[in-house]
Amino acid sequence: MAISRRQMIGGALATTATAPFVSRSVRAENRAYPPREYPKRVVDLVNESLVLDMLHPIKIAKEPAPMTDQLAADYRASGIDAILNGVGIGGPDARDQVLSYFALWGHYVQVNSHVFTGVGKMADILRAKRDGKVAVIMGVQNSEHFLKKEDVKFFYDLGQRVSQLTYNTQTRIGSGSTERVDGGLSDFGIAIVEEMNKVGMLVDVSHCGPRTTLDAIAASPRPIAITHSNCKALNDHPRLKTDEAIRACAAKGGVMGIAGVRNFVTAAEPTTLAAMVDHIDHAVKLVGIDHVGLGSDLDLYGYDDMPEDYKKWMLSILNPSYKFREKWDTDGFDHARRVYDLTEELLRRNYSKDNIQAILGGNFQRLLTSTWGG
């Protein structure tokens, strides 16, 4: 698959049975943290929740990793029921690249159907939960492959269910978050939003500039998503969202997913899971529990497991305003079972069971159901 210089592989279930692949004693292991067992209360709560990670590439890499027994086991034990497999693809050949991307990763999901299943409607995610599989939502972190408004339905019919309007830079649709001047949503961008609403594709503004974000929310008659970002009030980073944007998204019924990328969590050390949950706290206090979810912006193992040459390539294509540090992952949220750590921290902060289930996936379940249908 050809990859452009601008691409970055960047409520409770009423009918859910306990996922068959998660034991009552789940252990977390990675290179930085010793093995540990989670309390039964934490494991049961994850099992009983529908966990949707609304930005979680299958693999942050130029090509899929071979499905090993260990990788399959780690996915099954992760506690995650559905992931948004989305990357940033742009440039003059974006359409061809996205077609190749869907072919490549769609095939990967198909041939590894013992681990994954594709998604068309919410019912597919609920079925995956019951079957002990991970549902894979196909998305793109840009919309430059929409050369005309009719392309929205074309790609919807190929399986795309989420599209971020812009990545980091200026496009025909609008401005990205690291663009020097944010001109807002263009007339063409408004037409694309209208078509996405018409066919039932979720509008995502995670990487959009501030004006483009607000324009898209205003232009969409349906709720939209900020699938993976954090709160600018806690960390002045260009990729993060202002309180104004978070309020506007929630006022339309949208949901914001909180991310675990280190430089999105804090501007200085230490950067821990607790600091990430501070962003959840801020958003909940700002707009209420019904509009906050999870969008980790990580693959199963995180950025720090990437080969160094690939990390250097990513740094070469991203704006210096991203301000990556030596580590890219947040301490305590950088391993395959991080959802259990997140749940434990939310319990520590006295979030109720219902509220934790809303954050882990219930809120995005509501949004996706209203967008796609059941």
Protein backbone atom coordinates (compact mmCIF):
# COMPACT_ATOMS: atom_id res chain seq x y z
CA MET A 1 0.00 0.00 0.00
CA ALA A 2 1.42 3.38 -1.01
CA ILE A 3 1.54 5.86 1.87
CA SER A 4 1.81 9.60 1.28
CA ARG A 5 3.94 11.92 3.34
CA ARG A 6 0.77 13.30 4.90
CA GLN A 7 -0.56 9.96 6.15
CA MET A 8 -0.37 9.15 9.82
CA ILE A 9 -1.19 5.71 10.93
CA GLY A 10 -2.07 7.90 13.41
CA GLY A 11 -24.69 2.32 28.62
CA ALA A 12 -24.57 -1.24 29.66
CA LEU A 13 -25.78 -4.02 27.40
CA ALA A 14 -29.16 -5.30 28.40
CA THR A 15 -28.51 -8.62 26.66
CA THR A 16 -24.78 -8.95 27.22
CA ALA A 17 -23.36 -12.08 28.74
CA THR A 18 -19.94 -11.95 30.37
CA ALA A 19 -17.32 -12.01 27.65
CA PRO A 20 -16.03 -15.58 27.48
CA PHE A 21 -12.41 -14.64 26.95
CA VAL A 22 -11.83 -12.56 30.11
CA SER A 23 -11.15 -14.44 33.31
CA ARG A 24 -12.15 -13.27 36.75
CA SER A 25 -8.49 -12.54 37.44
CA VAL A 26 -7.03 -10.43 34.66
CA ARG A 27 -3.32 -9.67 34.68
CA ALA A 28 -1.64 -6.68 33.08
CA GLU A 29 1.90 -7.00 31.80
CA ASN A 30 4.18 -4.75 29.79
CA ARG A 31 7.81 -3.81 29.70
CA ALA A 32 7.47 -0.92 32.16
CA TYR A 33 4.97 -2.21 34.72
CA PRO A 34 5.07 -5.45 36.71
CA PRO A 35 2.34 -8.07 36.33
CA ARG A 36 -0.70 -7.40 38.49
CA GLU A 37 -4.16 -8.72 39.10
CA TYR A 38 -7.20 -6.45 38.95
CA PRO A 39 -9.89 -6.51 41.61
CA LYS A 40 -12.93 -8.62 40.77
CA ARG A 41 -15.10 -5.48 40.89
CA VAL A 42 -13.03 -3.92 38.10
CA VAL A 43 -13.02 -7.03 35.91
CA ASP A 44 -16.76 -7.59 36.34
CA LEU A 45 -17.51 -3.98 35.46
CA VAL A 46 -15.48 -4.15 32.24
CA ASN A 47 -17.11 -7.47 31.35
CA GLU A 48 -20.59 -6.06 31.87
CA SER A 49 -19.89 -2.92 29.83
CA LEU A 50 -19.84 -2.37 26.09
CA VAL A 51 -16.34 -0.94 25.63
CA LEU A 52 -15.94 1.19 22.48
CA ASP A 53 -12.55 2.74 21.72
CA MET A 54 -13.33 5.33 19.08
CA LEU A 55 -9.79 5.67 17.78
CA HIS A 56 -7.78 2.49 17.99
CA PRO A 57 -5.95 1.44 14.80
CA ILE A 58 -5.47 -2.31 14.58
CA LYS A 59 -1.78 -1.57 14.19
CA ILE A 60 0.15 1.70 13.93
CA ALA A 61 2.27 0.51 11.04
CA LYS A 62 2.54 0.55 7.27
CA GLU A 63 1.12 -2.95 7.04
CA PRO A 64 -0.74 -5.41 9.28
CA ALA A 65 1.15 -7.49 11.79
CA PRO A 66 0.81 -11.27 11.40
CA MET A 67 -1.93 -12.60 13.67
CA THR A 68 -0.08 -14.63 16.26
CA ASP A 69 -1.64 -16.61 19.11
CA GLN A 70 -0.27 -13.98 21.52
CA LEU A 71 -1.76 -11.06 19.61
CA ALA A 72 -5.13 -12.81 19.41
CA ALA A 73 -5.02 -13.57 23.13
CA ASP A 74 -4.12 -9.96 23.97
CA TYR A 75 -7.01 -8.62 21.91
CA ARG A 76 -9.41 -11.05 23.56
CA ALA A 77 -8.19 -10.12 27.04
CA SER A 78 -8.10 -6.38 26.40
CA GLY A 79 -11.66 -5.75 27.54
CA ILE A 80 -12.31 -3.79 24.34
CA ASP A 81 -15.38 -4.78 22.33
CA ALA A 82 -15.12 -2.41 19.35
CA ILE A 83 -12.41 -0.23 17.84
CA LEU A 84 -12.41 2.52 15.23
CA ASN A 85 -9.65 1.55 12.81
CA GLY A 86 -8.91 4.96 11.32
CA VAL A 87 -5.81 6.56 9.82
CA GLY A 88 -4.93 9.92 8.27
CA ILE A 89 -4.75 9.72 4.48
CA GLY A 90 -4.43 12.79 2.29
CA GLY A 91 -2.96 14.30 -0.82
CA PRO A 92 -3.81 14.14 -4.51
CA ASP A 93 -4.00 10.33 -4.49
CA ALA A 94 -6.10 10.08 -1.33
CA ARG A 95 -8.95 8.28 -3.07
CA ASP A 96 -6.70 5.49 -4.36
CA GLN A 97 -4.94 5.23 -1.03
CA VAL A 98 -8.20 4.88 0.88
CA LEU A 99 -9.39 2.19 -1.52
CA SER A 100 -6.14 0.32 -0.93
CA TYR A 101 -6.43 0.85 2.82
CA PHE A 102 -9.93 -0.61 2.96
CA ALA A 103 -8.89 -3.56 0.82
CA LEU A 104 -5.83 -4.27 2.96
CA TRP A 105 -7.38 -3.95 6.40
CA GLY A 106 -10.76 -5.32 5.39
CA HIS A 107 -9.01 -8.45 4.20
CA TYR A 108 -7.07 -8.62 7.47
CA VAL A 109 -10.29 -8.50 9.47
CA GLN A 110 -11.84 -11.15 7.24
CA VAL A 111 -8.98 -13.65 7.39
CA ASN A 112 -8.74 -13.19 11.15
CA SER A 113 -12.45 -13.65 11.76
CA HIS A 114 -11.66 -15.73 14.86
CA VAL A 115 -10.57 -12.43 16.47
CA PHE A 116 -12.33 -9.63 14.56
CA THR A 117 -15.62 -8.90 12.86
CA GLY A 118 -16.66 -6.06 10.58
CA VAL A 119 -19.28 -3.43 11.38
CA GLY A 120 -22.19 -2.06 9.42
CA LYS A 121 -24.73 -1.37 12.18
CA MET A 122 -24.71 -1.31 15.96
CA ALA A 123 -26.12 -4.84 15.96
CA ASP A 124 -22.76 -6.06 14.63
CA ILE A 125 -20.97 -4.62 17.66
CA LEU A 126 -23.46 -6.17 20.07
CA ARG A 127 -23.07 -9.53 18.33
CA ALA A 128 -19.28 -9.27 18.51
CA LYS A 129 -19.54 -8.69 22.26
CA ARG A 130 -21.67 -11.81 22.67
CA ASP A 131 -19.32 -13.86 20.46
CA GLY A 132 -16.15 -12.78 22.23
CA LYS A 133 -14.75 -10.92 19.22
CA VAL A 134 -13.52 -7.37 18.61
CA ALA A 135 -15.71 -5.38 16.22
CA VAL A 136 -13.72 -3.24 13.77
CA ILE A 137 -15.31 0.03 12.61
CA MET A 138 -13.70 1.25 9.40
CA GLY A 139 -12.97 4.98 9.28
CA VAL A 140 -10.57 7.56 7.89
CA GLN A 141 -8.97 10.47 9.73
CA ASN A 142 -9.50 12.78 6.78
CA SER A 143 -12.03 13.25 3.99
CA GLU A 144 -9.85 14.17 1.03
CA HIS A 145 -10.92 10.95 -0.67
CA PHE A 146 -14.36 12.53 -1.14
CA LEU A 147 -13.67 14.24 -4.47
CA LYS A 148 -17.38 14.94 -4.96
CA LYS A 149 -20.33 14.63 -2.61
CA GLU A 150 -21.48 11.39 -4.28
CA ASP A 151 -18.28 9.75 -3.03
CA VAL A 152 -19.69 9.73 0.50
CA LYS A 153 -22.26 7.07 -0.39
CA PHE A 154 -19.70 5.21 -2.51
CA PHE A 155 -17.37 4.80 0.45
CA TYR A 156 -20.25 4.14 2.84
CA ASP A 157 -21.23 1.22 0.60
CA LEU A 158 -17.62 -0.04 0.86
CA GLY A 159 -17.97 -0.12 4.63
CA GLN A 160 -16.77 3.28 5.87
CA ARG A 161 -18.81 4.36 8.87
CA VAL A 162 -16.84 7.32 10.27
CA SER A 163 -14.97 10.13 8.52
CA GLN A 164 -12.95 12.89 10.09
CA LEU A 165 -13.50 16.04 8.04
CA THR A 166 -9.88 17.23 7.99
CA TYR A 167 -6.56 15.97 9.26
CA ASN A 168 -3.96 18.54 10.39
CA THR A 169 -3.77 20.74 7.28
CA GLN A 170 -5.96 22.72 4.90
CA THR A 171 -8.16 20.82 2.46
CA ARG A 172 -11.09 21.61 0.18
CA ILE A 173 -13.35 20.83 3.14
CA GLY A 174 -11.80 22.98 5.86
CA SER A 175 -8.77 23.60 8.05
CA GLY A 176 -6.85 21.19 10.21
CA SER A 177 -5.72 21.80 13.76
CA THR A 178 -2.12 22.72 12.93
CA GLU A 179 -2.92 24.98 9.95
CA ARG A 180 -1.65 28.54 10.47
CA VAL A 181 -5.00 30.10 9.50
CA ASP A 182 -8.31 28.38 10.19
CA GLY A 183 -10.76 29.46 7.51
CA GLY A 184 -13.56 27.26 8.77
CA LEU A 185 -15.74 24.84 6.83
CA SER A 186 -15.96 25.52 3.08
CA ASP A 187 -19.10 25.34 0.95
CA PHE A 188 -17.83 21.96 -0.30
CA GLY A 189 -17.33 20.92 3.31
CA ILE A 190 -20.92 21.79 4.13
CA ALA A 191 -22.08 19.63 1.20
CA ILE A 192 -19.96 16.73 2.50
CA VAL A 193 -21.45 17.07 5.99
CA GLU A 194 -24.93 17.04 4.46
CA GLU A 195 -24.16 13.86 2.52
CA MET A 196 -22.65 12.15 5.54
CA ASN A 197 -25.81 12.88 7.49
CA LYS A 198 -27.92 11.64 4.60
CA VAL A 199 -26.23 8.24 4.29
CA GLY A 200 -25.60 7.71 8.01
CA MET A 201 -21.84 8.20 8.28
CA LEU A 202 -20.60 9.69 11.53
CA VAL A 203 -18.98 13.15 11.22
CA ASP A 204 -15.74 13.43 13.24
CA VAL A 205 -13.91 16.72 13.93
CA SER A 206 -11.03 15.51 16.11
CA HIS A 207 -8.22 17.04 14.03
CA CYS A 208 -10.18 20.02 12.72
CA GLY A 209 -9.18 23.58 13.55
CA PRO A 210 -11.29 25.50 16.09
CA ARG A 211 -13.40 27.40 13.54
CA THR A 212 -13.84 24.35 11.31
CA THR A 213 -14.91 22.32 14.36
CA LEU A 214 -17.61 24.82 15.33
CA ASP A 215 -18.77 25.26 11.73
CA ALA A 216 -19.18 21.50 11.30
CA ILE A 217 -21.17 21.16 14.51
CA ALA A 218 -23.44 24.01 13.43
CA ALA A 219 -23.84 22.63 9.89
CA SER A 220 -24.79 19.11 10.97
CA PRO A 221 -28.43 18.50 11.84
CA ARG A 222 -27.38 15.29 13.57
CA PRO A 223 -25.00 14.87 16.52
CA ILE A 224 -21.34 14.53 15.60
CA ALA A 225 -18.25 13.22 17.38
CA ILE A 226 -14.90 14.36 18.62
CA THR A 227 -13.68 10.78 18.61
CA HIS A 228 -10.21 11.37 20.08
CA SER A 229 -9.04 14.59 21.68
CA ASN A 230 -8.55 16.16 25.10
CA CYS A 231 -9.41 19.42 26.85
CA LYS A 232 -7.46 22.51 25.85
CA ALA A 233 -8.35 24.09 29.20
CA LEU A 234 -5.99 21.59 30.85
CA ASN A 235 -3.25 21.53 28.19
CA ASP A 236 -2.76 24.27 25.59
CA HIS A 237 -2.07 22.05 22.58
CA PRO A 238 -3.34 22.76 19.04
CA ARG A 239 -4.88 19.28 18.71
CA LEU A 240 -7.10 19.73 21.75
CA LYS A 241 -10.60 21.16 21.99
CA THR A 242 -11.74 24.37 23.64
CA ASP A 243 -14.54 24.40 26.17
CA GLU A 244 -16.62 26.21 23.56
CA ALA A 245 -16.23 23.34 21.10
CA ILE A 246 -16.92 20.68 23.74
CA ARG A 247 -20.09 22.50 24.80
CA ALA A 248 -21.25 22.91 21.21
CA CYS A 249 -20.68 19.22 20.46
CA ALA A 250 -22.61 18.16 23.56
CA ALA A 251 -25.45 20.61 22.90
CA LYS A 252 -26.11 18.78 19.62
CA GLY A 253 -26.04 15.40 21.40
CA GLY A 254 -22.47 14.54 20.39
CA VAL A 255 -19.76 12.68 22.30
CA MET A 256 -16.08 13.44 22.89
CA GLY A 257 -13.58 10.59 23.29
CA ILE A 258 -10.62 11.23 25.59
CA ALA A 259 -7.18 10.24 24.25
CA GLY A 260 -4.13 8.71 25.90
CA VAL A 261 -1.31 10.22 23.80
CA ARG A 262 1.21 11.67 26.25
CA ASN A 263 1.56 15.18 24.79
CA PHE A 264 -2.24 15.47 24.57
CA VAL A 265 -2.54 14.68 28.29
CA THR A 266 0.05 17.06 29.75
CA ALA A 267 2.62 19.58 28.56
CA ALA A 268 5.18 18.49 31.15
CA GLU A 269 6.04 15.49 33.27
CA PRO A 270 4.79 13.49 35.02
CA THR A 271 2.17 12.18 32.59
CA THR A 272 0.07 9.49 34.19
CA LEU A 273 -3.28 7.78 33.78
CA ALA A 274 -4.56 10.02 36.59
CA ALA A 275 -3.75 13.09 34.48
CA MET A 276 -5.64 11.55 31.56
CA VAL A 277 -8.67 11.01 33.77
CA ASP A 278 -8.44 14.68 34.77
CA HIS A 279 -9.55 15.38 31.18
CA ILE A 280 -12.53 13.08 31.66
CA ASP A 281 -13.36 14.91 34.89
CA HIS A 282 -13.14 18.28 33.19
CA ALA A 283 -15.38 17.27 30.29
CA VAL A 284 -17.94 15.65 32.61
CA LYS A 285 -18.11 18.76 34.77
CA LEU A 286 -18.40 20.91 31.67
CA VAL A 287 -21.12 19.08 29.71
CA GLY A 288 -22.31 16.13 31.79
CA ILE A 289 -21.66 12.41 31.84
CA ASP A 290 -23.67 11.69 28.67
CA HIS A 291 -21.16 13.30 26.31
CA VAL A 292 -17.81 11.77 27.29
CA GLY A 293 -16.23 8.54 26.04
CA LEU A 294 -12.97 6.85 25.11
CA GLY A 295 -10.85 7.44 22.01
CA SER A 296 -7.38 6.32 23.05
CA ASP A 297 -5.60 7.19 19.77
CA LEU A 298 -3.38 4.14 20.34
CA ASP A 299 -3.12 0.66 18.96
CA LEU A 300 -3.20 -2.28 21.37
CA TYR A 301 0.36 -1.77 22.63
CA GLY A 302 0.84 1.98 22.14
CA TYR A 303 3.25 4.19 20.25
CA ASP A 304 6.31 3.37 22.32
CA ASP A 305 6.36 -0.16 20.93
CA MET A 306 6.83 1.15 17.38
CA PRO A 307 10.16 0.59 15.62
CA GLU A 308 12.38 3.65 15.97
CA ASP A 309 12.64 4.17 12.22
CA TYR A 310 8.86 4.31 11.92
CA LYS A 311 8.62 6.74 14.81
CA LYS A 312 11.19 8.98 13.10
CA TRP A 313 9.14 8.86 9.90
CA MET A 314 6.02 9.91 11.77
CA LEU A 315 7.88 12.80 13.38
CA SER A 316 9.02 13.92 9.95
CA ILE A 317 5.44 14.30 8.65
CA LEU A 318 3.86 15.91 11.73
CA ASN A 319 3.91 19.60 12.55
CA PRO A 320 6.46 20.52 15.26
CA SER A 321 3.56 21.99 17.25
CA TYR A 322 2.66 18.41 18.22
CA LYS A 323 5.59 18.63 20.68
CA PHE A 324 6.23 14.93 21.07
CA ARG A 325 8.54 13.99 23.92
CA GLU A 326 10.78 10.97 24.40
CA LYS A 327 7.84 8.84 25.47
CA TRP A 328 4.59 9.03 23.51
CA ASP A 329 2.33 6.91 25.72
CA THR A 330 0.81 7.85 29.06
CA ASP A 331 2.18 5.98 32.08
CA GLY A 332 -0.34 3.35 33.15
CA PHE A 333 -2.28 3.53 29.86
CA ASP A 334 0.32 1.93 27.63
CA HIS A 335 -0.48 -1.77 27.56
CA ALA A 336 -3.10 -4.14 26.18
CA ARG A 337 -5.25 -4.23 29.34
CA ARG A 338 -5.31 -0.48 29.94
CA VAL A 339 -9.13 -0.36 30.00
CA TYR A 340 -9.00 -2.13 33.36
CA ASP A 341 -6.63 0.52 34.75
CA LEU A 342 -8.92 3.25 33.44
CA THR A 343 -11.94 1.61 35.06
CA GLU A 344 -10.08 1.25 38.35
CA GLU A 345 -9.15 4.95 38.33
CA LEU A 346 -12.75 5.96 37.60
CA LEU A 347 -13.92 3.83 40.53
CA ARG A 348 -11.26 5.43 42.70
CA ARG A 349 -12.80 8.80 41.83
CA ASN A 350 -16.24 7.58 42.88
CA TYR A 351 -17.84 7.40 39.46
CA SER A 352 -20.90 5.16 39.67
CA LYS A 353 -21.22 1.90 37.76
CA ASP A 354 -23.72 3.46 35.35
CA ASN A 355 -21.50 6.46 34.72
CA ILE A 356 -18.41 4.32 34.11
CA GLN A 357 -20.35 2.20 31.63
CA ALA A 358 -21.45 5.38 29.87
CA ILE A 359 -17.83 6.54 29.54
CA LEU A 360 -16.48 3.15 28.46
CA GLY A 361 -18.95 2.85 25.61
CA GLY A 362 -22.56 3.57 26.44
CA ASN A 363 -22.43 7.15 25.21
CA PHE A 364 -20.82 6.23 21.89
CA GLN A 365 -23.28 3.32 21.62
CA ARG A 366 -26.13 5.83 21.76
CA LEU A 367 -24.48 8.12 19.21
CA LEU A 368 -23.60 5.35 16.76
CA THR A 369 -27.05 3.81 17.01
CA SER A 370 -28.68 7.14 16.20
CA THR A 371 -26.30 7.61 13.26
CA TRP A 372 -26.23 4.11 11.75
CA GLY A 373 -29.38 2.53 13.10
CA GLY A 374 -29.58 -0.53 15.33
